[in-house]
Amino acid sequence: MFKLIILLFFSNVFMTFAWYGHLKNFNSKPLVFVILFSWGIAFFEYALQVPANRIGFQYYSLGQLKLFRKLSL
């Protein structure tokens, strides 16, 4: 359970930065750069999210996992 919480928390941190971090830090960069940079960050989010879902699915339903992900941030 602790591993699930940690994985979900950090995957949400990565994804939040991928979605919104570029607005403040890369506002003057070309859009193509920002898209590639955001996708690069999203890769790490998925690298944490997939194992979290596999671990969590042993104990929770899909709906519960989705709710848990929303609450973990």
N, C-alpha and C. Protein backbone atom coordinates (compact mmCIF):
# COMPACT_ATOMS: atom_id res chain seq x y z
N MET A 1 0.83 -1.20 0.00
CA MET A 1 0.00 0.00 0.00
C MET A 1 0.87 1.26 0.00
N PHE A 2 1.94 1.27 0.81
CA PHE A 2 2.83 2.43 0.88
C PHE A 2 3.50 2.68 -0.47
N LYS A 3 3.91 1.62 -1.14
CA LYS A 3 4.54 1.74 -2.46
C LYS A 3 3.57 2.35 -3.46
N LEU A 4 2.30 1.94 -3.40
CA LEU A 4 1.27 2.48 -4.28
C LEU A 4 1.13 3.99 -4.07
N ILE A 5 1.06 4.42 -2.84
CA ILE A 5 0.91 5.85 -2.54
C ILE A 5 2.10 6.65 -3.05
N ILE A 6 3.30 6.16 -2.81
CA ILE A 6 4.51 6.86 -3.26
C ILE A 6 4.54 6.95 -4.79
N LEU A 7 4.27 5.85 -5.47
CA LEU A 7 4.28 5.86 -6.93
C LEU A 7 3.24 6.83 -7.50
N LEU A 8 2.04 6.82 -6.93
CA LEU A 8 0.99 7.72 -7.41
C LEU A 8 1.34 9.18 -7.14
N PHE A 9 1.89 9.45 -5.98
CA PHE A 9 2.25 10.82 -5.64
C PHE A 9 3.28 11.37 -6.63
N PHE A 10 4.35 10.62 -6.85
CA PHE A 10 5.40 11.11 -7.74
C PHE A 10 4.96 11.12 -9.21
N SER A 11 4.10 10.21 -9.60
CA SER A 11 3.61 10.27 -10.98
C SER A 11 2.76 11.53 -11.18
N ASN A 12 2.00 11.91 -10.17
CA ASN A 12 1.22 13.15 -10.26
C ASN A 12 2.11 14.39 -10.27
N VAL A 13 3.19 14.36 -9.54
CA VAL A 13 4.13 15.49 -9.57
C VAL A 13 4.72 15.65 -10.96
N PHE A 14 5.17 14.54 -11.55
CA PHE A 14 5.72 14.60 -12.91
C PHE A 14 4.68 15.10 -13.90
N MET A 15 3.47 14.59 -13.83
CA MET A 15 2.46 14.98 -14.79
C MET A 15 2.03 16.43 -14.63
N THR A 16 1.94 16.89 -13.40
CA THR A 16 1.59 18.30 -13.18
C THR A 16 2.64 19.21 -13.78
N PHE A 17 3.91 18.86 -13.61
CA PHE A 17 4.96 19.67 -14.21
C PHE A 17 4.93 19.58 -15.73
N ALA A 18 4.65 18.40 -16.26
CA ALA A 18 4.57 18.24 -17.72
C ALA A 18 3.45 19.09 -18.30
N TRP A 19 2.33 19.18 -17.58
CA TRP A 19 1.19 19.95 -18.07
C TRP A 19 1.37 21.45 -17.90
N TYR A 20 1.88 21.87 -16.73
CA TYR A 20 1.86 23.29 -16.40
C TYR A 20 3.23 23.93 -16.18
N GLY A 21 4.26 23.15 -15.92
CA GLY A 21 5.57 23.69 -15.62
C GLY A 21 6.17 24.50 -16.75
N HIS A 22 5.88 24.11 -17.96
CA HIS A 22 6.44 24.81 -19.11
C HIS A 22 5.88 26.22 -19.26
N LEU A 23 4.70 26.49 -18.71
CA LEU A 23 4.09 27.81 -18.86
C LEU A 23 4.95 28.89 -18.20
N LYS A 24 5.53 28.56 -17.07
CA LYS A 24 6.35 29.53 -16.36
C LYS A 24 7.81 29.47 -16.82
N ASN A 25 8.32 28.28 -17.03
CA ASN A 25 9.74 28.10 -17.28
C ASN A 25 10.16 28.17 -18.74
N PHE A 26 9.28 27.85 -19.65
CA PHE A 26 9.64 27.79 -21.07
C PHE A 26 8.70 28.61 -21.94
N ASN A 27 8.20 29.68 -21.42
CA ASN A 27 7.23 30.49 -22.15
C ASN A 27 7.79 31.07 -23.43
N SER A 28 9.09 31.32 -23.47
CA SER A 28 9.68 31.93 -24.66
C SER A 28 10.25 30.89 -25.64
N LYS A 29 10.17 29.63 -25.30
CA LYS A 29 10.71 28.56 -26.18
C LYS A 29 9.71 28.22 -27.28
N PRO A 30 10.19 27.68 -28.40
CA PRO A 30 9.27 27.26 -29.47
C PRO A 30 8.34 26.14 -29.00
N LEU A 31 7.16 26.13 -29.58
CA LEU A 31 6.14 25.15 -29.20
C LEU A 31 6.62 23.71 -29.38
N VAL A 32 7.34 23.44 -30.44
CA VAL A 32 7.83 22.07 -30.68
C VAL A 32 8.73 21.62 -29.53
N PHE A 33 9.61 22.48 -29.07
CA PHE A 33 10.48 22.15 -27.94
C PHE A 33 9.65 21.85 -26.70
N VAL A 34 8.66 22.68 -26.43
CA VAL A 34 7.83 22.51 -25.24
C VAL A 34 7.05 21.20 -25.31
N ILE A 35 6.54 20.86 -26.46
CA ILE A 35 5.80 19.60 -26.63
C ILE A 35 6.72 18.41 -26.36
N LEU A 36 7.89 18.42 -26.96
CA LEU A 36 8.83 17.31 -26.76
C LEU A 36 9.29 17.23 -25.30
N PHE A 37 9.54 18.37 -24.70
CA PHE A 37 9.95 18.40 -23.30
C PHE A 37 8.85 17.83 -22.41
N SER A 38 7.60 18.25 -22.65
CA SER A 38 6.48 17.76 -21.85
C SER A 38 6.28 16.25 -22.03
N TRP A 39 6.43 15.76 -23.25
CA TRP A 39 6.32 14.32 -23.49
C TRP A 39 7.44 13.56 -22.80
N GLY A 40 8.62 14.16 -22.75
CA GLY A 40 9.73 13.54 -22.03
C GLY A 40 9.44 13.39 -20.55
N ILE A 41 8.83 14.40 -19.96
CA ILE A 41 8.45 14.33 -18.54
C ILE A 41 7.32 13.31 -18.37
N ALA A 42 6.38 13.30 -19.29
CA ALA A 42 5.25 12.37 -19.20
C ALA A 42 5.72 10.92 -19.23
N PHE A 43 6.83 10.65 -19.93
CA PHE A 43 7.38 9.30 -19.94
C PHE A 43 7.64 8.81 -18.51
N PHE A 44 8.25 9.67 -17.69
CA PHE A 44 8.54 9.28 -16.31
C PHE A 44 7.26 9.13 -15.49
N GLU A 45 6.25 9.93 -15.81
CA GLU A 45 4.95 9.77 -15.14
C GLU A 45 4.39 8.39 -15.43
N TYR A 46 4.43 7.98 -16.68
CA TYR A 46 3.93 6.66 -17.05
C TYR A 46 4.77 5.54 -16.45
N ALA A 47 6.06 5.77 -16.35
CA ALA A 47 6.95 4.77 -15.76
C ALA A 47 6.63 4.53 -14.28
N LEU A 48 6.01 5.48 -13.63
CA LEU A 48 5.56 5.32 -12.24
C LEU A 48 4.10 4.88 -12.17
N GLN A 49 3.29 5.41 -13.07
CA GLN A 49 1.86 5.13 -13.03
C GLN A 49 1.52 3.68 -13.36
N VAL A 50 2.19 3.11 -14.35
CA VAL A 50 1.88 1.73 -14.75
C VAL A 50 2.14 0.74 -13.61
N PRO A 51 3.31 0.78 -12.95
CA PRO A 51 3.50 -0.13 -11.82
C PRO A 51 2.52 0.15 -10.68
N ALA A 52 2.19 1.41 -10.45
CA ALA A 52 1.23 1.74 -9.40
C ALA A 52 -0.12 1.11 -9.69
N ASN A 53 -0.56 1.17 -10.94
CA ASN A 53 -1.84 0.56 -11.30
C ASN A 53 -1.80 -0.96 -11.15
N ARG A 54 -0.69 -1.56 -11.52
CA ARG A 54 -0.57 -3.03 -11.39
C ARG A 54 -0.61 -3.45 -9.92
N ILE A 55 0.09 -2.70 -9.09
CA ILE A 55 0.08 -3.01 -7.65
C ILE A 55 -1.30 -2.76 -7.08
N GLY A 56 -1.87 -1.61 -7.38
CA GLY A 56 -3.17 -1.24 -6.82
C GLY A 56 -4.30 -2.12 -7.27
N PHE A 57 -4.24 -2.63 -8.50
CA PHE A 57 -5.33 -3.45 -9.03
C PHE A 57 -5.46 -4.78 -8.29
N GLN A 58 -4.43 -5.17 -7.58
CA GLN A 58 -4.51 -6.38 -6.77
C GLN A 58 -5.45 -6.18 -5.57
N TYR A 59 -5.66 -4.92 -5.18
CA TYR A 59 -6.44 -4.61 -3.97
C TYR A 59 -7.68 -3.77 -4.23
N TYR A 60 -7.68 -3.02 -5.33
CA TYR A 60 -8.76 -2.06 -5.58
C TYR A 60 -9.34 -2.25 -6.97
N SER A 61 -10.57 -1.75 -7.17
CA SER A 61 -11.18 -1.76 -8.50
C SER A 61 -10.60 -0.60 -9.32
N LEU A 62 -10.90 -0.58 -10.60
CA LEU A 62 -10.42 0.49 -11.46
C LEU A 62 -10.95 1.85 -11.02
N GLY A 63 -12.21 1.89 -10.64
CA GLY A 63 -12.80 3.14 -10.16
C GLY A 63 -12.13 3.64 -8.88
N GLN A 64 -11.85 2.73 -7.99
CA GLN A 64 -11.18 3.10 -6.75
C GLN A 64 -9.76 3.62 -7.03
N LEU A 65 -9.05 2.97 -7.96
CA LEU A 65 -7.71 3.44 -8.32
C LEU A 65 -7.76 4.84 -8.91
N LYS A 66 -8.72 5.10 -9.77
CA LYS A 66 -8.85 6.42 -10.37
C LYS A 66 -9.12 7.48 -9.29
N LEU A 67 -10.01 7.17 -8.37
CA LEU A 67 -10.30 8.10 -7.28
C LEU A 67 -9.07 8.30 -6.40
N PHE A 68 -8.37 7.23 -6.14
CA PHE A 68 -7.16 7.30 -5.31
C PHE A 68 -6.11 8.17 -5.97
N ARG A 69 -6.00 8.07 -7.28
CA ARG A 69 -5.04 8.90 -8.01
C ARG A 69 -5.41 10.37 -7.89
N LYS A 70 -6.68 10.68 -8.00
CA LYS A 70 -7.13 12.07 -7.87
C LYS A 70 -6.84 12.61 -6.46
N LEU A 71 -7.00 11.77 -5.48
CA LEU A 71 -6.81 12.20 -4.09
C LEU A 71 -5.33 12.23 -3.68
N SER A 72 -4.46 11.59 -4.44
CA SER A 72 -3.05 11.51 -4.05
C SER A 72 -2.30 12.80 -4.30
N LEU A 73 -2.87 13.71 -5.07
CA LEU A 73 -2.17 14.97 -5.32
C LEU A 73 -2.70 15.96 -4.36
